[in-house]
Amino acid sequence: MIKLHIANLSDRVSETQLNEHFGRYGEVLKIEVVWARSLGRIVGSAVIEMPFGEGIAAARELNGKPFRGRALYITIMSNGIAASGKL
């Protein structure tokens, strides 16, 4: 399993839309959209868990590509922290 941190999301994106988009590359095990409780809206990021190989493929294919009008920025997480490095 791999965790992907997805940044630069629209504040109108839904878990269903993310599941459909990333699901083209394999099984999406879990999606956690980050909310700003005080604002009551999405802050533009999410964490997606996928099987390792499928998650790597999704990250390589989708990083920097537009999704609902915004370019996605995807990093692979290590111990709950987005790790830097080239996909």
PDB file of N, CA and C in Angstrom:
ATOM      1  N   MET A   1       0.835  -1.172   0.000  1.00  0.00           N
ATOM      2  CA  MET A   1       0.000   0.000   0.000  1.00  0.00           C
ATOM      3  C   MET A   1       0.887   1.245   0.000  1.00  0.00           C
ATOM      4  N   ILE A   2       0.382   2.283  -0.662  1.00  0.00           N
ATOM      5  CA  ILE A   2       1.101   3.558  -0.722  1.00  0.00           C
ATOM      6  C   ILE A   2       0.099   4.679  -0.461  1.00  0.00           C
ATOM      7  N   LYS A   3       0.594   5.738   0.189  1.00  0.00           N
ATOM      8  CA  LYS A   3      -0.223   6.916   0.422  1.00  0.00           C
ATOM      9  C   LYS A   3       0.301   8.043  -0.470  1.00  0.00           C
ATOM     10  N   LEU A   4      -0.630   8.693  -1.147  1.00  0.00           N
ATOM     11  CA  LEU A   4      -0.305   9.810  -2.017  1.00  0.00           C
ATOM     12  C   LEU A   4      -0.920  11.085  -1.443  1.00  0.00           C
ATOM     13  N   HIS A   5      -0.121  12.130  -1.343  1.00  0.00           N
ATOM     14  CA  HIS A   5      -0.650  13.430  -0.941  1.00  0.00           C
ATOM     15  C   HIS A   5      -0.958  14.203  -2.219  1.00  0.00           C
ATOM     16  N   ILE A   6      -2.206  14.624  -2.356  1.00  0.00           N
ATOM     17  CA  ILE A   6      -2.658  15.337  -3.542  1.00  0.00           C
ATOM     18  C   ILE A   6      -2.881  16.791  -3.153  1.00  0.00           C
ATOM     19  N   ALA A   7      -2.187  17.706  -3.811  1.00  0.00           N
ATOM     20  CA  ALA A   7      -2.309  19.135  -3.498  1.00  0.00           C
ATOM     21  C   ALA A   7      -2.860  19.891  -4.696  1.00  0.00           C
ATOM     22  N   ASN A   8      -3.341  21.099  -4.422  1.00  0.00           N
ATOM     23  CA  ASN A   8      -3.876  22.025  -5.415  1.00  0.00           C
ATOM     24  C   ASN A   8      -5.250  21.602  -5.936  1.00  0.00           C
ATOM     25  N   LEU A   9      -6.020  20.947  -5.096  1.00  0.00           N
ATOM     26  CA  LEU A   9      -7.371  20.553  -5.485  1.00  0.00           C
ATOM     27  C   LEU A   9      -8.325  21.741  -5.413  1.00  0.00           C
ATOM     28  N   SER A  10      -9.329  21.700  -6.247  1.00  0.00           N
ATOM     29  CA  SER A  10     -10.411  22.673  -6.169  1.00  0.00           C
ATOM     30  C   SER A  10     -11.141  22.480  -4.845  1.00  0.00           C
ATOM     31  N   ASP A  11     -11.676  23.556  -4.288  1.00  0.00           N
ATOM     32  CA  ASP A  11     -12.431  23.416  -3.045  1.00  0.00           C
ATOM     33  C   ASP A  11     -13.823  22.830  -3.283  1.00  0.00           C
ATOM     34  N   ARG A  12     -14.107  22.504  -4.527  1.00  0.00           N
ATOM     35  CA  ARG A  12     -15.403  21.898  -4.856  1.00  0.00           C
ATOM     36  C   ARG A  12     -15.287  20.424  -5.235  1.00  0.00           C
ATOM     37  N   VAL A  13     -14.101  19.854  -5.114  1.00  0.00           N
ATOM     38  CA  VAL A  13     -13.904  18.453  -5.499  1.00  0.00           C
ATOM     39  C   VAL A  13     -14.516  17.532  -4.437  1.00  0.00           C
ATOM     40  N   SER A  14     -15.020  16.388  -4.890  1.00  0.00           N
ATOM     41  CA  SER A  14     -15.621  15.429  -3.962  1.00  0.00           C
ATOM     42  C   SER A  14     -14.791  14.147  -3.908  1.00  0.00           C
ATOM     43  N   GLU A  15     -15.021  13.365  -2.872  1.00  0.00           N
ATOM     44  CA  GLU A  15     -14.359  12.067  -2.762  1.00  0.00           C
ATOM     45  C   GLU A  15     -14.740  11.171  -3.940  1.00  0.00           C
ATOM     46  N   THR A  16     -15.973  11.257  -4.370  1.00  0.00           N
ATOM     47  CA  THR A  16     -16.431  10.454  -5.507  1.00  0.00           C
ATOM     48  C   THR A  16     -15.648  10.803  -6.766  1.00  0.00           C
ATOM     49  N   GLN A  17     -15.438  12.085  -7.018  1.00  0.00           N
ATOM     50  CA  GLN A  17     -14.686  12.513  -8.188  1.00  0.00           C
ATOM     51  C   GLN A  17     -13.232  12.040  -8.113  1.00  0.00           C
ATOM     52  N   LEU A  18     -12.628  12.136  -6.936  1.00  0.00           N
ATOM     53  CA  LEU A  18     -11.261  11.649  -6.761  1.00  0.00           C
ATOM     54  C   LEU A  18     -11.190  10.141  -6.960  1.00  0.00           C
ATOM     55  N   ASN A  19     -12.158   9.435  -6.412  1.00  0.00           N
ATOM     56  CA  ASN A  19     -12.184   7.974  -6.556  1.00  0.00           C
ATOM     57  C   ASN A  19     -12.285   7.571  -8.028  1.00  0.00           C
ATOM     58  N   GLU A  20     -13.130   8.245  -8.780  1.00  0.00           N
ATOM     59  CA  GLU A  20     -13.269   7.940 -10.208  1.00  0.00           C
ATOM     60  C   GLU A  20     -11.985   8.262 -10.967  1.00  0.00           C
ATOM     61  N   HIS A  21     -11.362   9.387 -10.652  1.00  0.00           N
ATOM     62  CA  HIS A  21     -10.161   9.836 -11.367  1.00  0.00           C
ATOM     63  C   HIS A  21      -8.977   8.899 -11.092  1.00  0.00           C
ATOM     64  N   PHE A  22      -8.715   8.621  -9.827  1.00  0.00           N
ATOM     65  CA  PHE A  22      -7.589   7.764  -9.469  1.00  0.00           C
ATOM     66  C   PHE A  22      -7.917   6.286  -9.687  1.00  0.00           C
ATOM     67  N   GLY A  23      -9.188   5.934  -9.645  1.00  0.00           N
ATOM     68  CA  GLY A  23      -9.612   4.552  -9.845  1.00  0.00           C
ATOM     69  C   GLY A  23      -9.323   4.022 -11.238  1.00  0.00           C
ATOM     70  N   ARG A  24      -9.036   4.898 -12.175  1.00  0.00           N
ATOM     71  CA  ARG A  24      -8.654   4.448 -13.524  1.00  0.00           C
ATOM     72  C   ARG A  24      -7.314   3.719 -13.502  1.00  0.00           C
ATOM     73  N   TYR A  25      -6.550   3.912 -12.434  1.00  0.00           N
ATOM     74  CA  TYR A  25      -5.214   3.300 -12.325  1.00  0.00           C
ATOM     75  C   TYR A  25      -5.183   2.134 -11.357  1.00  0.00           C
ATOM     76  N   GLY A  26      -6.294   1.857 -10.715  1.00  0.00           N
ATOM     77  CA  GLY A  26      -6.354   0.727  -9.791  1.00  0.00           C
ATOM     78  C   GLY A  26      -7.318   0.996  -8.649  1.00  0.00           C
ATOM     79  N   GLU A  27      -7.269   0.116  -7.678  1.00  0.00           N
ATOM     80  CA  GLU A  27      -8.184   0.192  -6.543  1.00  0.00           C
ATOM     81  C   GLU A  27      -7.798   1.336  -5.600  1.00  0.00           C
ATOM     82  N   VAL A  28      -8.767   2.179  -5.299  1.00  0.00           N
ATOM     83  CA  VAL A  28      -8.573   3.229  -4.307  1.00  0.00           C
ATOM     84  C   VAL A  28      -9.049   2.660  -2.976  1.00  0.00           C
ATOM     85  N   LEU A  29      -8.131   2.522  -2.031  1.00  0.00           N
ATOM     86  CA  LEU A  29      -8.455   1.916  -0.752  1.00  0.00           C
ATOM     87  C   LEU A  29      -9.068   2.898   0.231  1.00  0.00           C
ATOM     88  N   LYS A  30      -8.616   4.146   0.169  1.00  0.00           N
ATOM     89  CA  LYS A  30      -9.095   5.145   1.127  1.00  0.00           C
ATOM     90  C   LYS A  30      -8.814   6.543   0.581  1.00  0.00           C
ATOM     91  N   ILE A  31      -9.731   7.466   0.853  1.00  0.00           N
ATOM     92  CA  ILE A  31      -9.551   8.867   0.493  1.00  0.00           C
ATOM     93  C   ILE A  31      -9.859   9.706   1.722  1.00  0.00           C
ATOM     94  N   GLU A  32      -8.964  10.612   2.038  1.00  0.00           N
ATOM     95  CA  GLU A  32      -9.185  11.567   3.122  1.00  0.00           C
ATOM     96  C   GLU A  32      -8.999  12.965   2.555  1.00  0.00           C
ATOM     97  N   VAL A  33     -10.095  13.679   2.375  1.00  0.00           N
ATOM     98  CA  VAL A  33     -10.035  15.049   1.902  1.00  0.00           C
ATOM     99  C   VAL A  33      -9.796  15.938   3.123  1.00  0.00           C
ATOM    100  N   VAL A  34      -8.860  16.872   3.013  1.00  0.00           N
ATOM    101  CA  VAL A  34      -8.510  17.745   4.132  1.00  0.00           C
ATOM    102  C   VAL A  34      -9.470  18.939   4.153  1.00  0.00           C
ATOM    103  N   TRP A  35     -10.139  19.101   5.292  1.00  0.00           N
ATOM    104  CA  TRP A  35     -11.116  20.174   5.479  1.00  0.00           C
ATOM    105  C   TRP A  35     -10.587  21.225   6.433  1.00  0.00           C
ATOM    106  N   ALA A  36     -10.928  22.475   6.185  1.00  0.00           N
ATOM    107  CA  ALA A  36     -10.687  23.559   7.141  1.00  0.00           C
ATOM    108  C   ALA A  36     -11.980  23.693   7.935  1.00  0.00           C
ATOM    109  N   ARG A  37     -11.988  23.134   9.123  1.00  0.00           N
ATOM    110  CA  ARG A  37     -13.224  23.138   9.921  1.00  0.00           C
ATOM    111  C   ARG A  37     -13.751  24.547  10.157  1.00  0.00           C
ATOM    112  N   SER A  38     -12.844  25.468  10.423  1.00  0.00           N
ATOM    113  CA  SER A  38     -13.288  26.828  10.717  1.00  0.00           C
ATOM    114  C   SER A  38     -13.949  27.491   9.504  1.00  0.00           C
ATOM    115  N   LEU A  39     -13.535  27.079   8.301  1.00  0.00           N
ATOM    116  CA  LEU A  39     -14.106  27.640   7.077  1.00  0.00           C
ATOM    117  C   LEU A  39     -15.235  26.789   6.519  1.00  0.00           C
ATOM    118  N   GLY A  40     -15.274  25.516   6.941  1.00  0.00           N
ATOM    119  CA  GLY A  40     -16.301  24.609   6.445  1.00  0.00           C
ATOM    120  C   GLY A  40     -16.122  24.208   4.996  1.00  0.00           C
ATOM    121  N   ARG A  41     -14.871  24.163   4.537  1.00  0.00           N
ATOM    122  CA  ARG A  41     -14.623  23.788   3.141  1.00  0.00           C
ATOM    123  C   ARG A  41     -13.290  23.052   3.009  1.00  0.00           C
ATOM    124  N   ILE A  42     -13.083  22.503   1.843  1.00  0.00           N
ATOM    125  CA  ILE A  42     -11.845  21.792   1.526  1.00  0.00           C
ATOM    126  C   ILE A  42     -10.709  22.800   1.404  1.00  0.00           C
ATOM    127  N   VAL A  43      -9.535  22.429   1.898  1.00  0.00           N
ATOM    128  CA  VAL A  43      -8.387  23.336   1.817  1.00  0.00           C
ATOM    129  C   VAL A  43      -7.501  23.039   0.616  1.00  0.00           C
ATOM    130  N   GLY A  44      -7.926  22.163  -0.252  1.00  0.00           N
ATOM    131  CA  GLY A  44      -7.182  21.933  -1.488  1.00  0.00           C
ATOM    132  C   GLY A  44      -6.235  20.758  -1.465  1.00  0.00           C
ATOM    133  N   SER A  45      -6.399  19.847  -0.515  1.00  0.00           N
ATOM    134  CA  SER A  45      -5.538  18.669  -0.525  1.00  0.00           C
ATOM    135  C   SER A  45      -6.283  17.440  -0.022  1.00  0.00           C
ATOM    136  N   ALA A  46      -5.697  16.289  -0.329  1.00  0.00           N
ATOM    137  CA  ALA A  46      -6.271  15.017   0.081  1.00  0.00           C
ATOM    138  C   ALA A  46      -5.151  13.990   0.189  1.00  0.00           C
ATOM    139  N   VAL A  47      -5.450  12.907   0.886  1.00  0.00           N
ATOM    140  CA  VAL A  47      -4.547  11.769   0.964  1.00  0.00           C
ATOM    141  C   VAL A  47      -5.305  10.576   0.395  1.00  0.00           C
ATOM    142  N   ILE A  48      -4.670   9.886  -0.542  1.00  0.00           N
ATOM    143  CA  ILE A  48      -5.282   8.725  -1.183  1.00  0.00           C
ATOM    144  C   ILE A  48      -4.387   7.513  -0.959  1.00  0.00           C
ATOM    145  N   GLU A  49      -4.991   6.416  -0.525  1.00  0.00           N
ATOM    146  CA  GLU A  49      -4.264   5.159  -0.348  1.00  0.00           C
ATOM    147  C   GLU A  49      -4.644   4.207  -1.475  1.00  0.00           C
ATOM    148  N   MET A  50      -3.618   3.592  -2.071  1.00  0.00           N
ATOM    149  CA  MET A  50      -3.801   2.637  -3.167  1.00  0.00           C
ATOM    150  C   MET A  50      -2.780   1.524  -3.006  1.00  0.00           C
ATOM    151  N   PRO A  51      -2.990   0.377  -3.664  1.00  0.00           N
ATOM    152  CA  PRO A  51      -1.930  -0.626  -3.704  1.00  0.00           C
ATOM    153  C   PRO A  51      -0.674  -0.009  -4.312  1.00  0.00           C
ATOM    154  N   PHE A  52       0.502  -0.465  -3.883  1.00  0.00           N
ATOM    155  CA  PHE A  52       1.765   0.183  -4.219  1.00  0.00           C
ATOM    156  C   PHE A  52       1.947   0.458  -5.714  1.00  0.00           C
ATOM    157  N   GLY A  53       1.940  -0.561  -6.536  1.00  0.00           N
ATOM    158  CA  GLY A  53       2.207  -0.397  -7.966  1.00  0.00           C
ATOM    159  C   GLY A  53       1.187   0.489  -8.653  1.00  0.00           C
ATOM    160  N   GLU A  54      -0.067   0.348  -8.265  1.00  0.00           N
ATOM    161  CA  GLU A  54      -1.126   1.148  -8.862  1.00  0.00           C
ATOM    162  C   GLU A  54      -1.007   2.613  -8.447  1.00  0.00           C
ATOM    163  N   GLY A  55      -0.628   2.841  -7.191  1.00  0.00           N
ATOM    164  CA  GLY A  55      -0.443   4.208  -6.702  1.00  0.00           C
ATOM    165  C   GLY A  55       0.716   4.905  -7.386  1.00  0.00           C
ATOM    166  N   ILE A  56       1.813   4.173  -7.593  1.00  0.00           N
ATOM    167  CA  ILE A  56       2.964   4.741  -8.299  1.00  0.00           C
ATOM    168  C   ILE A  56       2.562   5.119  -9.722  1.00  0.00           C
ATOM    169  N   ALA A  57       1.832   4.226 -10.394  1.00  0.00           N
ATOM    170  CA  ALA A  57       1.391   4.501 -11.768  1.00  0.00           C
ATOM    171  C   ALA A  57       0.487   5.734 -11.820  1.00  0.00           C
ATOM    172  N   ALA A  58      -0.440   5.834 -10.878  1.00  0.00           N
ATOM    173  CA  ALA A  58      -1.342   6.989 -10.838  1.00  0.00           C
ATOM    174  C   ALA A  58      -0.557   8.269 -10.596  1.00  0.00           C
ATOM    175  N   ALA A  59       0.376   8.231  -9.653  1.00  0.00           N
ATOM    176  CA  ALA A  59       1.160   9.426  -9.334  1.00  0.00           C
ATOM    177  C   ALA A  59       1.983   9.874 -10.534  1.00  0.00           C
ATOM    178  N   ARG A  60       2.624   8.938 -11.197  1.00  0.00           N
ATOM    179  CA  ARG A  60       3.451   9.293 -12.362  1.00  0.00           C
ATOM    180  C   ARG A  60       2.619   9.866 -13.491  1.00  0.00           C
ATOM    181  N   GLU A  61       1.455   9.292 -13.706  1.00  0.00           N
ATOM    182  CA  GLU A  61       0.616   9.728 -14.818  1.00  0.00           C
ATOM    183  C   GLU A  61      -0.112  11.045 -14.533  1.00  0.00           C
ATOM    184  N   LEU A  62      -0.550  11.246 -13.290  1.00  0.00           N
ATOM    185  CA  LEU A  62      -1.417  12.377 -12.988  1.00  0.00           C
ATOM    186  C   LEU A  62      -0.698  13.603 -12.424  1.00  0.00           C
ATOM    187  N   ASN A  63       0.520  13.453 -11.938  1.00  0.00           N
ATOM    188  CA  ASN A  63       1.235  14.579 -11.348  1.00  0.00           C
ATOM    189  C   ASN A  63       1.439  15.692 -12.383  1.00  0.00           C
ATOM    190  N   GLY A  64       0.992  16.881 -12.028  1.00  0.00           N
ATOM    191  CA  GLY A  64       1.125  18.038 -12.914  1.00  0.00           C
ATOM    192  C   GLY A  64       0.027  18.159 -13.952  1.00  0.00           C
ATOM    193  N   LYS A  65      -0.844  17.162 -14.040  1.00  0.00           N
ATOM    194  CA  LYS A  65      -1.921  17.177 -15.040  1.00  0.00           C
ATOM    195  C   LYS A  65      -3.174  17.848 -14.459  1.00  0.00           C
ATOM    196  N   PRO A  66      -3.981  18.472 -15.326  1.00  0.00           N
ATOM    197  CA  PRO A  66      -5.183  19.154 -14.837  1.00  0.00           C
ATOM    198  C   PRO A  66      -6.267  18.188 -14.382  1.00  0.00           C
ATOM    199  N   PHE A  67      -6.945  18.584 -13.332  1.00  0.00           N
ATOM    200  CA  PHE A  67      -8.103  17.861 -12.813  1.00  0.00           C
ATOM    201  C   PHE A  67      -9.090  18.900 -12.314  1.00  0.00           C
ATOM    202  N   ARG A  68     -10.223  18.962 -12.959  1.00  0.00           N
ATOM    203  CA  ARG A  68     -11.264  19.919 -12.622  1.00  0.00           C
ATOM    204  C   ARG A  68     -10.728  21.357 -12.606  1.00  0.00           C
ATOM    205  N   GLY A  69      -9.894  21.663 -13.611  1.00  0.00           N
ATOM    206  CA  GLY A  69      -9.418  23.016 -13.815  1.00  0.00           C
ATOM    207  C   GLY A  69      -8.138  23.408 -13.086  1.00  0.00           C
ATOM    208  N   ARG A  70      -7.518  22.458 -12.362  1.00  0.00           N
ATOM    209  CA  ARG A  70      -6.291  22.778 -11.627  1.00  0.00           C
ATOM    210  C   ARG A  70      -5.282  21.655 -11.798  1.00  0.00           C
ATOM    211  N   ALA A  71      -4.007  22.019 -11.887  1.00  0.00           N
ATOM    212  CA  ALA A  71      -2.944  21.018 -12.004  1.00  0.00           C
ATOM    213  C   ALA A  71      -2.753  20.324 -10.657  1.00  0.00           C
ATOM    214  N   LEU A  72      -2.720  18.993 -10.676  1.00  0.00           N
ATOM    215  CA  LEU A  72      -2.492  18.231  -9.450  1.00  0.00           C
ATOM    216  C   LEU A  72      -1.007  18.187  -9.122  1.00  0.00           C
ATOM    217  N   TYR A  73      -0.691  18.284  -7.847  1.00  0.00           N
ATOM    218  CA  TYR A  73       0.674  18.096  -7.361  1.00  0.00           C
ATOM    219  C   TYR A  73       0.642  16.910  -6.408  1.00  0.00           C
ATOM    220  N   ILE A  74       1.323  15.842  -6.792  1.00  0.00           N
ATOM    221  CA  ILE A  74       1.246  14.587  -6.054  1.00  0.00           C
ATOM    222  C   ILE A  74       2.614  14.237  -5.488  1.00  0.00           C
ATOM    223  N   THR A  75       2.639  13.932  -4.192  1.00  0.00           N
ATOM    224  CA  THR A  75       3.852  13.442  -3.554  1.00  0.00           C
ATOM    225  C   THR A  75       3.539  12.142  -2.837  1.00  0.00           C
ATOM    226  N   ILE A  76       4.533  11.294  -2.761  1.00  0.00           N
ATOM    227  CA  ILE A  76       4.402  10.020  -2.059  1.00  0.00           C
ATOM    228  C   ILE A  76       4.697  10.282  -0.596  1.00  0.00           C
ATOM    229  N   MET A  77       3.836   9.779   0.277  1.00  0.00           N
ATOM    230  CA  MET A  77       3.995  10.021   1.703  1.00  0.00           C
ATOM    231  C   MET A  77       4.818   8.915   2.352  1.00  0.00           C
ATOM    232  N   SER A  78       5.609   9.305   3.328  1.00  0.00           N
ATOM    233  CA  SER A  78       6.411   8.370   4.108  1.00  0.00           C
ATOM    234  C   SER A  78       6.150   8.651   5.579  1.00  0.00           C
ATOM    235  N   ASN A  79       5.612   7.682   6.298  1.00  0.00           N
ATOM    236  CA  ASN A  79       5.294   7.842   7.711  1.00  0.00           C
ATOM    237  C   ASN A  79       4.392   9.056   7.981  1.00  0.00           C
ATOM    238  N   GLY A  80       3.425   9.253   7.097  1.00  0.00           N
ATOM    239  CA  GLY A  80       2.471  10.331   7.278  1.00  0.00           C
ATOM    240  C   GLY A  80       2.958  11.691   6.831  1.00  0.00           C
ATOM    241  N   ILE A  81       4.167  11.779   6.261  1.00  0.00           N
ATOM    242  CA  ILE A  81       4.727  13.048   5.816  1.00  0.00           C
ATOM    243  C   ILE A  81       4.993  12.954   4.321  1.00  0.00           C
ATOM    244  N   ALA A  82       4.608  13.973   3.588  1.00  0.00           N
ATOM    245  CA  ALA A  82       4.863  13.979   2.137  1.00  0.00           C
ATOM    246  C   ALA A  82       6.374  14.025   1.911  1.00  0.00           C
ATOM    247  N   ALA A  83       6.882  13.027   1.201  1.00  0.00           N
ATOM    248  CA  ALA A  83       8.315  12.947   0.922  1.00  0.00           C
ATOM    249  C   ALA A  83       8.622  13.668  -0.375  1.00  0.00           C
ATOM    250  N   SER A  84       9.737  14.345  -0.417  1.00  0.00           N
ATOM    251  CA  SER A  84      10.110  15.014  -1.643  1.00  0.00           C
ATOM    252  C   SER A  84      10.822  14.020  -2.559  1.00  0.00           C
ATOM    253  N   GLY A  85      10.906  14.371  -3.794  1.00  0.00           N
ATOM    254  CA  GLY A  85      11.582  13.504  -4.756  1.00  0.00           C
ATOM    255  C   GLY A  85      10.830  13.477  -6.065  1.00  0.00           C
ATOM    256  N   LYS A  86      11.496  13.035  -7.079  1.00  0.00           N
ATOM    257  CA  LYS A  86      10.938  12.996  -8.420  1.00  0.00           C
ATOM    258  C   LYS A  86      10.112  11.730  -8.598  1.00  0.00           C
ATOM    259  N   LEU A  87       8.944  11.872  -9.189  1.00  0.00           N
ATOM    260  CA  LEU A  87       8.085  10.707  -9.482  1.00  0.00           C
ATOM    261  C   LEU A  87       8.518  10.048 -10.752  1.00  0.00           C
TER     262      LEU A  87
END
